[in-house]
C-alpha cells in the first residue's frame, strides 16, 4: 500500500474517533448534570434554614459567588 493511502486512512480514523469521542463525552456530561444538577439559590436557602438561620439576600449572593469561584 502506498504511503499516501496509509496517511488517508490514519486521518479518516482520527476524524471518526474525534466525532465518536465528542458524542460519548457529551452524553456522559448530560447524564451527570441530570443526576447531579448544579446548586441553585433555593438549595442555599434550604441549607441556611437547616442550620437554623434565616438567610438574607446578601448571604445567598455571597454563597452563590463563592460556589461559582470554586468551580
C-alpha atoms as a PDB file:
ATOM      1  CA  UNK A   1       0.000   0.000   0.000  1.00  0.00           C
ATOM      2  CA  UNK A   2       1.274   3.445  -0.849  1.00  0.00           C
ATOM      3  CA  UNK A   3       2.257   5.833   1.943  1.00  0.00           C
ATOM      4  CA  UNK A   4      -0.480   8.307   0.993  1.00  0.00           C
ATOM      5  CA  UNK A   5      -3.103   5.585   1.377  1.00  0.00           C
ATOM      6  CA  UNK A   6      -1.941   4.875   4.909  1.00  0.00           C
ATOM      7  CA  UNK A   7      -1.962   8.626   5.627  1.00  0.00           C
ATOM      8  CA  UNK A   8      -5.547   8.984   4.366  1.00  0.00           C
ATOM      9  CA  UNK A   9      -6.694   6.032   6.482  1.00  0.00           C
ATOM     10  CA  UNK A  10      -4.981   7.495   9.568  1.00  0.00           C
ATOM     11  CA  UNK A  11      -6.599  10.914   9.010  1.00  0.00           C
ATOM     12  CA  UNK A  12     -10.029   9.340   8.483  1.00  0.00           C
ATOM     13  CA  UNK A  13      -9.619   7.215  11.625  1.00  0.00           C
ATOM     14  CA  UNK A  14      -8.628  10.304  13.655  1.00  0.00           C
ATOM     15  CA  UNK A  15     -11.675  12.234  12.425  1.00  0.00           C
ATOM     16  CA  UNK A  16     -14.079   9.358  13.137  1.00  0.00           C
ATOM     17  CA  UNK A  17     -12.500   8.815  16.576  1.00  0.00           C
ATOM     18  CA  UNK A  18     -12.846  12.508  17.398  1.00  0.00           C
ATOM     19  CA  UNK A  19     -16.523  12.524  16.434  1.00  0.00           C
ATOM     20  CA  UNK A  20     -17.266   9.380  18.437  1.00  0.00           C
ATOM     21  CA  UNK A  21     -15.327  10.739  21.440  1.00  0.00           C
ATOM     22  CA  UNK A  22     -17.269  14.010  21.295  1.00  0.00           C
ATOM     23  CA  UNK A  23     -20.627  12.218  21.218  1.00  0.00           C
ATOM     24  CA  UNK A  24     -19.731   9.905  24.115  1.00  0.00           C
ATOM     25  CA  UNK A  25     -18.354  12.759  26.228  1.00  0.00           C
ATOM     26  CA  UNK A  26     -21.439  14.882  25.559  1.00  0.00           C
ATOM     27  CA  UNK A  27     -23.789  12.094  26.662  1.00  0.00           C
ATOM     28  CA  UNK A  28     -21.798  11.387  29.831  1.00  0.00           C
ATOM     29  CA  UNK A  29     -21.788  15.074  30.824  1.00  0.00           C
ATOM     30  CA  UNK A  30     -25.529  15.420  30.145  1.00  0.00           C
ATOM     31  CA  UNK A  31     -26.206  12.349  32.309  1.00  0.00           C
ATOM     32  CA  UNK A  32     -24.066  13.742  35.138  1.00  0.00           C
ATOM     33  CA  UNK A  33     -25.837  17.112  35.002  1.00  0.00           C
ATOM     34  CA  UNK A  34     -29.201  15.343  35.066  1.00  0.00           C
ATOM     35  CA  UNK A  35     -28.216  13.185  38.054  1.00  0.00           C
ATOM     36  CA  UNK A  36     -26.371  15.980  39.917  1.00  0.00           C
ATOM     37  CA  UNK A  37     -27.793  19.372  38.968  1.00  0.00           C
ATOM     38  CA  UNK A  38     -25.753  22.436  39.856  1.00  0.00           C
ATOM     39  CA  UNK A  39     -26.606  24.200  43.116  1.00  0.00           C
ATOM     40  CA  UNK A  40     -29.177  26.991  42.968  1.00  0.00           C
ATOM     41  CA  UNK A  41     -30.419  29.707  45.312  1.00  0.00           C
ATOM     42  CA  UNK A  42     -33.296  27.602  46.659  1.00  0.00           C
ATOM     43  CA  UNK A  43     -30.867  24.910  47.768  1.00  0.00           C
ATOM     44  CA  UNK A  44     -28.729  27.530  49.520  1.00  0.00           C
ATOM     45  CA  UNK A  45     -31.814  28.874  51.319  1.00  0.00           C
ATOM     46  CA  UNK A  46     -32.678  25.339  52.452  1.00  0.00           C
ATOM     47  CA  UNK A  47     -29.104  24.844  53.681  1.00  0.00           C
ATOM     48  CA  UNK A  48     -29.267  28.028  55.787  1.00  0.00           C
ATOM     49  CA  UNK A  49     -32.683  27.031  57.175  1.00  0.00           C
ATOM     50  CA  UNK A  50     -31.374  23.591  58.131  1.00  0.00           C
ATOM     51  CA  UNK A  51     -28.643  25.351  60.116  1.00  0.00           C
ATOM     52  CA  UNK A  52     -31.319  27.330  61.955  1.00  0.00           C
ATOM     53  CA  UNK A  53     -30.674  30.677  60.251  1.00  0.00           C
ATOM     54  CA  UNK A  54     -32.904  32.900  58.183  1.00  0.00           C
ATOM     55  CA  UNK A  55     -30.762  33.806  55.178  1.00  0.00           C
ATOM     56  CA  UNK A  56     -30.612  37.345  53.843  1.00  0.00           C
ATOM     57  CA  UNK A  57     -30.222  38.020  50.126  1.00  0.00           C
ATOM     58  CA  UNK A  58     -26.670  39.167  50.792  1.00  0.00           C
ATOM     59  CA  UNK A  59     -25.859  35.780  52.378  1.00  0.00           C
ATOM     60  CA  UNK A  60     -27.324  33.947  49.421  1.00  0.00           C
ATOM     61  CA  UNK A  61     -25.482  36.072  46.840  1.00  0.00           C
ATOM     62  CA  UNK A  62     -22.227  35.717  48.769  1.00  0.00           C
ATOM     63  CA  UNK A  63     -22.598  31.932  48.892  1.00  0.00           C
ATOM     64  CA  UNK A  64     -23.520  31.724  45.193  1.00  0.00           C
ATOM     65  CA  UNK A  65     -20.431  33.755  44.267  1.00  0.00           C
ATOM     66  CA  UNK A  66     -18.252  31.522  46.440  1.00  0.00           C
ATOM     67  CA  UNK A  67     -19.653  28.412  44.732  1.00  0.00           C
ATOM     68  CA  UNK A  68     -19.056  29.901  41.266  1.00  0.00           C
ATOM     69  CA  UNK A  69     -15.474  30.871  42.161  1.00  0.00           C
ATOM     70  CA  UNK A  70     -14.816  27.384  43.487  1.00  0.00           C
ATOM     71  CA  UNK A  71     -15.664  25.661  40.217  1.00  0.00           C
END
